[in-house]
PDB file of N, CA and C in Angstrom:
ATOM      1  N   MET A   1      32.152  24.172  12.221  1.00  0.00           N
ATOM      2  CA  MET A   1      31.015  24.372  12.552  1.00  0.00           C
ATOM      3  C   MET A   1      30.000  22.696  12.134  1.00  0.00           C
ATOM      4  N   ASN A   2      29.180  22.254  12.651  1.00  0.00           N
ATOM      5  CA  ASN A   2      28.649  20.844  12.423  1.00  0.00           C
ATOM      6  C   ASN A   2      26.990  21.323  11.576  1.00  0.00           C
ATOM      7  N   ASP A   3      27.061  20.554  10.236  1.00  0.00           N
ATOM      8  CA  ASP A   3      25.622  21.269   9.415  1.00  0.00           C
ATOM      9  C   ASP A   3      25.394  20.493   9.593  1.00  0.00           C
ATOM     10  N   ARG A   4      25.203  19.216  10.590  1.00  0.00           N
ATOM     11  CA  ARG A   4      24.290  18.594  10.297  1.00  0.00           C
ATOM     12  C   ARG A   4      23.005  19.068  11.442  1.00  0.00           C
ATOM     13  N   PRO A   5      21.812  17.881  10.884  1.00  0.00           N
ATOM     14  CA  PRO A   5      20.887  18.561  11.908  1.00  0.00           C
ATOM     15  C   PRO A   5      20.502  17.880  13.035  1.00  0.00           C
ATOM     16  N   PRO A   6      19.649  18.185  14.281  1.00  0.00           N
ATOM     17  CA  PRO A   6      19.696  17.458  15.503  1.00  0.00           C
ATOM     18  C   PRO A   6      19.540  16.282  15.506  1.00  0.00           C
ATOM     19  N   LEU A   7      19.660  15.618  16.570  1.00  0.00           N
ATOM     20  CA  LEU A   7      19.336  13.941  16.714  1.00  0.00           C
ATOM     21  C   LEU A   7      17.992  13.639  16.193  1.00  0.00           C
ATOM     22  N   VAL A   8      17.648  14.400  17.256  1.00  0.00           N
ATOM     23  CA  VAL A   8      15.898  14.071  16.829  1.00  0.00           C
ATOM     24  C   VAL A   8      15.342  14.038  15.788  1.00  0.00           C
ATOM     25  N   LEU A   9      15.630  15.220  15.068  1.00  0.00           N
ATOM     26  CA  LEU A   9      14.872  15.387  13.868  1.00  0.00           C
ATOM     27  C   LEU A   9      15.727  14.308  12.814  1.00  0.00           C
ATOM     28  N   ARG A  10      16.885  14.348  12.601  1.00  0.00           N
ATOM     29  CA  ARG A  10      17.411  12.649  12.168  1.00  0.00           C
ATOM     30  C   ARG A  10      16.802  11.561  12.495  1.00  0.00           C
ATOM     31  N   LEU A  11      16.143  11.421  13.910  1.00  0.00           N
ATOM     32  CA  LEU A  11      15.605   9.972  14.119  1.00  0.00           C
ATOM     33  C   LEU A  11      14.486  10.046  13.993  1.00  0.00           C
ATOM     34  N   ILE A  12      13.800  11.319  13.941  1.00  0.00           N
ATOM     35  CA  ILE A  12      12.166  11.170  13.005  1.00  0.00           C
ATOM     36  C   ILE A  12      12.290  11.115  11.570  1.00  0.00           C
ATOM     37  N   ARG A  13      13.392  11.508  11.090  1.00  0.00           N
ATOM     38  CA  ARG A  13      13.258  11.737   9.298  1.00  0.00           C
ATOM     39  C   ARG A  13      13.940   9.590   9.393  1.00  0.00           C
ATOM     40  N   GLY A  14      14.432   9.465  10.053  1.00  0.00           N
ATOM     41  CA  GLY A  14      14.994   7.927   9.650  1.00  0.00           C
ATOM     42  C   GLY A  14      13.519   7.132   9.742  1.00  0.00           C
ATOM     43  N   PHE A  15      13.413   7.528  10.837  1.00  0.00           N
ATOM     44  CA  PHE A  15      12.094   6.298  11.464  1.00  0.00           C
ATOM     45  C   PHE A  15      10.663   6.660  10.235  1.00  0.00           C
ATOM     46  N   GLY A  16      10.860   7.968   9.977  1.00  0.00           N
ATOM     47  CA  GLY A  16       9.492   7.946   8.737  1.00  0.00           C
ATOM     48  C   GLY A  16       9.777   7.636   7.461  1.00  0.00           C
ATOM     49  N   ARG A  17      11.309   7.857   7.087  1.00  0.00           N
ATOM     50  CA  ARG A  17      12.016   6.821   5.724  1.00  0.00           C
ATOM     51  C   ARG A  17      11.397   5.297   6.005  1.00  0.00           C
ATOM     52  N   PHE A  18      11.808   4.534   7.071  1.00  0.00           N
ATOM     53  CA  PHE A  18      11.901   3.414   7.297  1.00  0.00           C
ATOM     54  C   PHE A  18      10.350   2.699   7.380  1.00  0.00           C
ATOM     55  N   TRP A  19       9.319   3.401   7.597  1.00  0.00           N
ATOM     56  CA  TRP A  19       8.134   2.999   7.306  1.00  0.00           C
ATOM     57  C   TRP A  19       7.386   3.605   6.064  1.00  0.00           C
ATOM     58  N   TRP A  20       8.156   4.416   5.584  1.00  0.00           N
ATOM     59  CA  TRP A  20       7.534   4.681   3.534  1.00  0.00           C
ATOM     60  C   TRP A  20       8.041   3.793   3.306  1.00  0.00           C
ATOM     61  N   ASP A  21       9.422   3.554   3.499  1.00  0.00           N
ATOM     62  CA  ASP A  21      10.036   2.116   2.639  1.00  0.00           C
ATOM     63  C   ASP A  21       9.477   0.708   2.789  1.00  0.00           C
ATOM     64  N   PHE A  22       9.077   0.572   4.025  1.00  0.00           N
ATOM     65  CA  PHE A  22       8.452  -0.746   4.580  1.00  0.00           C
ATOM     66  C   PHE A  22       6.682  -0.952   4.063  1.00  0.00           C
ATOM     67  N   LEU A  23       6.297   0.134   4.225  1.00  0.00           N
ATOM     68  CA  LEU A  23       4.672   0.214   3.768  1.00  0.00           C
ATOM     69  C   LEU A  23       5.036   0.488   2.380  1.00  0.00           C
ATOM     70  N   VAL A  24       5.249   0.940   1.730  1.00  0.00           N
ATOM     71  CA  VAL A  24       5.066   1.366   0.406  1.00  0.00           C
ATOM     72  C   VAL A  24       5.857   1.038  -0.475  1.00  0.00           C
ATOM     73  N   GLY A  25       7.624   0.939  -0.300  1.00  0.00           N
ATOM     74  CA  GLY A  25       8.382   0.435  -0.909  1.00  0.00           C
ATOM     75  C   GLY A  25       8.558   0.757  -2.341  1.00  0.00           C
ATOM     76  N   ASP A  26       8.615  -0.314  -3.412  1.00  0.00           N
ATOM     77  CA  ASP A  26       8.896  -0.237  -5.051  1.00  0.00           C
ATOM     78  C   ASP A  26       7.432  -0.082  -6.072  1.00  0.00           C
ATOM     79  N   THR A  27       6.025  -0.335  -4.912  1.00  0.00           N
ATOM     80  CA  THR A  27       5.318  -0.211  -5.811  1.00  0.00           C
ATOM     81  C   THR A  27       4.163   0.495  -4.800  1.00  0.00           C
ATOM     82  N   PRO A  28       4.122   1.649  -5.201  1.00  0.00           N
ATOM     83  CA  PRO A  28       2.850   2.475  -4.118  1.00  0.00           C
ATOM     84  C   PRO A  28       1.756   2.393  -4.202  1.00  0.00           C
ATOM     85  N   GLU A  29       1.489   1.670  -5.987  1.00  0.00           N
ATOM     86  CA  GLU A  29       0.232   1.354  -5.999  1.00  0.00           C
ATOM     87  C   GLU A  29      -0.551   0.414  -5.310  1.00  0.00           C
ATOM     88  N   LEU A  30       0.391  -0.451  -5.174  1.00  0.00           N
ATOM     89  CA  LEU A  30      -0.159  -1.583  -4.020  1.00  0.00           C
ATOM     90  C   LEU A  30      -0.829  -1.599  -2.733  1.00  0.00           C
ATOM     91  N   PHE A  31       0.214  -0.333  -2.202  1.00  0.00           N
ATOM     92  CA  PHE A  31      -0.317  -0.070  -0.980  1.00  0.00           C
ATOM     93  C   PHE A  31      -1.437   0.901  -1.045  1.00  0.00           C
ATOM     94  N   VAL A  32      -1.438   1.893  -1.879  1.00  0.00           N
ATOM     95  CA  VAL A  32      -2.676   2.263  -2.036  1.00  0.00           C
ATOM     96  C   VAL A  32      -4.077   1.282  -2.035  1.00  0.00           C
ATOM     97  N   ALA A  33      -3.933   0.142  -3.534  1.00  0.00           N
ATOM     98  CA  ALA A  33      -5.099  -0.358  -3.421  1.00  0.00           C
ATOM     99  C   ALA A  33      -5.317  -1.201  -2.155  1.00  0.00           C
ATOM    100  N   ALA A  34      -4.233  -1.389  -1.644  1.00  0.00           N
ATOM    101  CA  ALA A  34      -4.212  -2.226  -0.082  1.00  0.00           C
ATOM    102  C   ALA A  34      -5.641  -1.569   0.817  1.00  0.00           C
ATOM    103  N   LEU A  35      -5.020   0.168   1.044  1.00  0.00           N
ATOM    104  CA  LEU A  35      -5.841   0.995   1.732  1.00  0.00           C
ATOM    105  C   LEU A  35      -7.244   1.109   0.854  1.00  0.00           C
ATOM    106  N   VAL A  36      -7.633   0.819  -0.327  1.00  0.00           N
ATOM    107  CA  VAL A  36      -8.749   0.896  -0.634  1.00  0.00           C
ATOM    108  C   VAL A  36      -9.564  -0.337  -0.389  1.00  0.00           C
ATOM    109  N   ILE A  37      -8.874  -1.408  -0.686  1.00  0.00           N
ATOM    110  CA  ILE A  37      -9.704  -2.616  -0.248  1.00  0.00           C
ATOM    111  C   ILE A  37     -10.217  -2.631   1.339  1.00  0.00           C
ATOM    112  N   ILE A  38      -9.121  -2.060   2.098  1.00  0.00           N
ATOM    113  CA  ILE A  38      -9.107  -2.517   3.632  1.00  0.00           C
ATOM    114  C   ILE A  38     -10.443  -1.540   3.838  1.00  0.00           C
ATOM    115  N   GLY A  39     -10.702  -0.312   3.068  1.00  0.00           N
ATOM    116  CA  GLY A  39     -11.893   0.387   3.583  1.00  0.00           C
ATOM    117  C   GLY A  39     -12.998  -0.136   2.679  1.00  0.00           C
ATOM    118  N   VAL A  40     -12.948  -0.587   1.470  1.00  0.00           N
ATOM    119  CA  VAL A  40     -14.233  -1.201   1.070  1.00  0.00           C
ATOM    120  C   VAL A  40     -14.821  -2.223   1.511  1.00  0.00           C
ATOM    121  N   ILE A  41     -13.616  -2.938   2.574  1.00  0.00           N
ATOM    122  CA  ILE A  41     -14.096  -4.359   3.411  1.00  0.00           C
ATOM    123  C   ILE A  41     -15.166  -3.998   4.641  1.00  0.00           C
ATOM    124  N   ALA A  42     -14.534  -3.049   4.775  1.00  0.00           N
ATOM    125  CA  ALA A  42     -14.507  -2.136   6.293  1.00  0.00           C
ATOM    126  C   ALA A  42     -16.683  -1.710   6.041  1.00  0.00           C
ATOM    127  N   LEU A  43     -16.606  -0.583   4.421  1.00  0.00           N
ATOM    128  CA  LEU A  43     -17.528  -0.437   4.588  1.00  0.00           C
ATOM    129  C   LEU A  43     -18.789  -1.520   4.183  1.00  0.00           C
ATOM    130  N   LEU A  44     -18.380  -2.294   3.886  1.00  0.00           N
ATOM    131  CA  LEU A  44     -19.256  -3.756   3.555  1.00  0.00           C
ATOM    132  C   LEU A  44     -19.717  -4.192   4.689  1.00  0.00           C
ATOM    133  N   SER A  45     -18.884  -4.805   5.905  1.00  0.00           N
ATOM    134  CA  SER A  45     -19.106  -5.033   6.621  1.00  0.00           C
ATOM    135  C   SER A  45     -19.673  -4.374   7.685  1.00  0.00           C
ATOM    136  N   GLU A  46     -19.549  -3.183   7.600  1.00  0.00           N
ATOM    137  CA  GLU A  46     -20.364  -1.983   8.983  1.00  0.00           C
ATOM    138  C   GLU A  46     -21.299  -1.533   8.522  1.00  0.00           C
ATOM    139  N   ARG A  47     -21.757  -0.863   7.474  1.00  0.00           N
ATOM    140  CA  ARG A  47     -22.559  -0.306   6.989  1.00  0.00           C
ATOM    141  C   ARG A  47     -23.819  -1.132   6.310  1.00  0.00           C
ATOM    142  N   GLY A  48     -23.323  -2.066   5.971  1.00  0.00           N
ATOM    143  CA  GLY A  48     -24.205  -3.183   5.357  1.00  0.00           C
ATOM    144  C   GLY A  48     -24.275  -4.295   5.719  1.00  0.00           C
ATOM    145  N   HIS A  49     -23.684  -4.276   6.679  1.00  0.00           N
ATOM    146  CA  HIS A  49     -23.787  -6.206   7.298  1.00  0.00           C
ATOM    147  C   HIS A  49     -23.771  -7.208   6.121  1.00  0.00           C
ATOM    148  N   PHE A  50     -22.752  -6.619   4.704  1.00  0.00           N
ATOM    149  CA  PHE A  50     -22.483  -7.652   4.057  1.00  0.00           C
ATOM    150  C   PHE A  50     -21.437  -8.721   4.466  1.00  0.00           C
ATOM    151  N   ASN A  51     -21.172  -9.063   5.421  1.00  0.00           N
ATOM    152  CA  ASN A  51     -19.699  -9.729   5.860  1.00  0.00           C
ATOM    153  C   ASN A  51     -19.524 -10.712   4.816  1.00  0.00           C
ATOM    154  N   THR A  52     -20.501 -11.700   4.088  1.00  0.00           N
ATOM    155  CA  THR A  52     -20.187 -12.758   3.010  1.00  0.00           C
ATOM    156  C   THR A  52     -19.550 -12.064   2.035  1.00  0.00           C
ATOM    157  N   ALA A  53     -20.605 -10.823   1.830  1.00  0.00           N
ATOM    158  CA  ALA A  53     -19.653 -10.507   0.143  1.00  0.00           C
ATOM    159  C   ALA A  53     -18.339  -9.389   0.659  1.00  0.00           C
ATOM    160  N   ALA A  54     -18.079  -9.533   1.959  1.00  0.00           N
ATOM    161  CA  ALA A  54     -16.830  -8.979   2.294  1.00  0.00           C
ATOM    162  C   ALA A  54     -15.870 -10.168   2.038  1.00  0.00           C
ATOM    163  N   ILE A  55     -16.244 -11.102   2.337  1.00  0.00           N
ATOM    164  CA  ILE A  55     -15.341 -12.420   1.954  1.00  0.00           C
ATOM    165  C   ILE A  55     -14.931 -12.663   0.926  1.00  0.00           C
ATOM    166  N   VAL A  56     -15.838 -12.792  -0.227  1.00  0.00           N
ATOM    167  CA  VAL A  56     -15.643 -12.719  -1.409  1.00  0.00           C
ATOM    168  C   VAL A  56     -15.103 -11.258  -2.032  1.00  0.00           C
ATOM    169  N   VAL A  57     -15.186 -10.429  -1.892  1.00  0.00           N
ATOM    170  CA  VAL A  57     -15.279  -9.060  -2.221  1.00  0.00           C
ATOM    171  C   VAL A  57     -12.961  -8.983  -2.083  1.00  0.00           C
ATOM    172  N   LEU A  58     -13.168  -9.025  -1.023  1.00  0.00           N
ATOM    173  CA  LEU A  58     -11.218  -9.214  -0.840  1.00  0.00           C
ATOM    174  C   LEU A  58     -10.272  -9.695  -1.039  1.00  0.00           C
ATOM    175  N   PRO A  59     -10.610 -11.243  -1.555  1.00  0.00           N
ATOM    176  CA  PRO A  59      -9.357 -11.875  -2.466  1.00  0.00           C
ATOM    177  C   PRO A  59      -9.487 -11.630  -3.730  1.00  0.00           C
ATOM    178  N   ALA A  60     -10.771 -11.174  -4.350  1.00  0.00           N
ATOM    179  CA  ALA A  60     -11.237 -10.710  -5.461  1.00  0.00           C
ATOM    180  C   ALA A  60     -10.317  -9.685  -5.725  1.00  0.00           C
ATOM    181  N   PHE A  61     -10.409  -8.569  -4.725  1.00  0.00           N
ATOM    182  CA  PHE A  61      -9.958  -7.346  -5.130  1.00  0.00           C
ATOM    183  C   PHE A  61      -8.285  -7.541  -4.887  1.00  0.00           C
ATOM    184  N   ALA A  62      -8.095  -8.186  -3.581  1.00  0.00           N
ATOM    185  CA  ALA A  62      -6.642  -8.392  -3.878  1.00  0.00           C
ATOM    186  C   ALA A  62      -5.845  -8.700  -5.141  1.00  0.00           C
ATOM    187  N   THR A  63      -6.661  -9.729  -5.613  1.00  0.00           N
ATOM    188  CA  THR A  63      -6.150 -10.272  -7.280  1.00  0.00           C
ATOM    189  C   THR A  63      -6.202  -9.870  -7.825  1.00  0.00           C
ATOM    190  N   LEU A  64      -7.150  -9.027  -8.471  1.00  0.00           N
ATOM    191  CA  LEU A  64      -7.013  -7.834  -9.324  1.00  0.00           C
ATOM    192  C   LEU A  64      -5.927  -6.647  -9.177  1.00  0.00           C
ATOM    193  N   ALA A  65      -5.696  -6.501  -7.758  1.00  0.00           N
ATOM    194  CA  ALA A  65      -4.410  -5.232  -7.389  1.00  0.00           C
ATOM    195  C   ALA A  65      -2.978  -6.364  -7.629  1.00  0.00           C
ATOM    196  N   LEU A  66      -3.047  -7.240  -7.331  1.00  0.00           N
ATOM    197  CA  LEU A  66      -1.906  -8.023  -7.954  1.00  0.00           C
ATOM    198  C   LEU A  66      -1.605  -8.007  -9.269  1.00  0.00           C
ATOM    199  N   ALA A  67      -2.354  -8.286  -9.702  1.00  0.00           N
ATOM    200  CA  ALA A  67      -2.177  -8.534 -11.442  1.00  0.00           C
ATOM    201  C   ALA A  67      -2.049  -7.427 -12.098  1.00  0.00           C
ATOM    202  N   ALA A  68      -2.691  -6.222 -11.683  1.00  0.00           N
ATOM    203  CA  ALA A  68      -2.521  -4.965 -12.194  1.00  0.00           C
ATOM    204  C   ALA A  68      -0.955  -4.578 -11.751  1.00  0.00           C
ATOM    205  N   SER A  69      -0.162  -4.969 -10.611  1.00  0.00           N
ATOM    206  CA  SER A  69       0.868  -4.665 -10.402  1.00  0.00           C
ATOM    207  C   SER A  69       1.603  -5.116 -11.388  1.00  0.00           C
ATOM    208  N   LEU A  70       1.490  -6.522 -11.548  1.00  0.00           N
ATOM    209  CA  LEU A  70       2.105  -7.328 -12.383  1.00  0.00           C
ATOM    210  C   LEU A  70       2.033  -6.955 -14.057  1.00  0.00           C
ATOM    211  N   VAL A  71       1.042  -6.537 -14.375  1.00  0.00           N
ATOM    212  CA  VAL A  71       0.917  -6.413 -15.825  1.00  0.00           C
ATOM    213  C   VAL A  71       1.916  -4.738 -16.083  1.00  0.00           C
ATOM    214  N   ARG A  72       1.816  -4.025 -14.862  1.00  0.00           N
ATOM    215  CA  ARG A  72       2.745  -2.733 -14.795  1.00  0.00           C
ATOM    216  C   ARG A  72       4.142  -3.211 -14.712  1.00  0.00           C
ATOM    217  N   ALA A  73       4.308  -3.889 -13.894  1.00  0.00           N
ATOM    218  CA  ALA A  73       5.901  -4.460 -13.799  1.00  0.00           C
ATOM    219  C   ALA A  73       6.226  -5.132 -15.307  1.00  0.00           C
ATOM    220  N   VAL A  74       5.950  -5.745 -15.918  1.00  0.00           N
ATOM    221  CA  VAL A  74       5.811  -6.450 -16.971  1.00  0.00           C
ATOM    222  C   VAL A  74       5.989  -5.425 -18.493  1.00  0.00           C
ATOM    223  N   ARG A  75       5.159  -4.331 -17.954  1.00  0.00           N
ATOM    224  CA  ARG A  75       5.260  -3.582 -19.276  1.00  0.00           C
ATOM    225  C   ARG A  75       6.545  -2.744 -19.141  1.00  0.00           C
ATOM    226  N   LEU A  76       7.080  -2.013 -17.679  1.00  0.00           N
ATOM    227  CA  LEU A  76       8.105  -1.057 -17.661  1.00  0.00           C
ATOM    228  C   LEU A  76       9.247  -2.440 -18.106  1.00  0.00           C
ATOM    229  N   SER A  77       9.163  -3.582 -17.902  1.00  0.00           N
ATOM    230  CA  SER A  77      10.414  -4.281 -18.009  1.00  0.00           C
ATOM    231  C   SER A  77      10.935  -4.571 -19.568  1.00  0.00           C
ATOM    232  N   ARG A  78       9.605  -4.383 -20.433  1.00  0.00           N
ATOM    233  CA  ARG A  78       9.753  -4.410 -21.192  1.00  0.00           C
ATOM    234  C   ARG A  78      10.398  -3.094 -22.344  1.00  0.00           C
ATOM    235  N   ARG A  79      10.044  -2.157 -21.636  1.00  0.00           N
ATOM    236  CA  ARG A  79      10.280  -0.579 -22.284  1.00  0.00           C
ATOM    237  C   ARG A  79      12.240  -0.890 -22.124  1.00  0.00           C
ATOM    238  N   LYS A  80      12.408  -1.513 -21.287  1.00  0.00           N
ATOM    239  CA  LYS A  80      14.166  -1.272 -20.741  1.00  0.00           C
ATOM    240  C   LYS A  80      14.584  -1.751 -21.424  1.00  0.00           C
TER     241      LYS A  80
END
């Protein structure tokens, strides 16, 4: 007997795994940070019409998120 799941289910799982690996990869904190940054920028732009503030906040938050990820990676590599 064939114990493999149906083709459609395997395709859906493969599609989901591809997007998870593509978007999240090894650093889920950067994915979450990107979502938060996009949300904050959208709120600044739409609610308060602070487009200039959004232009300044975007690179600042992105730099902070990358720095936090780097600190975490260095800390993890020193433990090994």
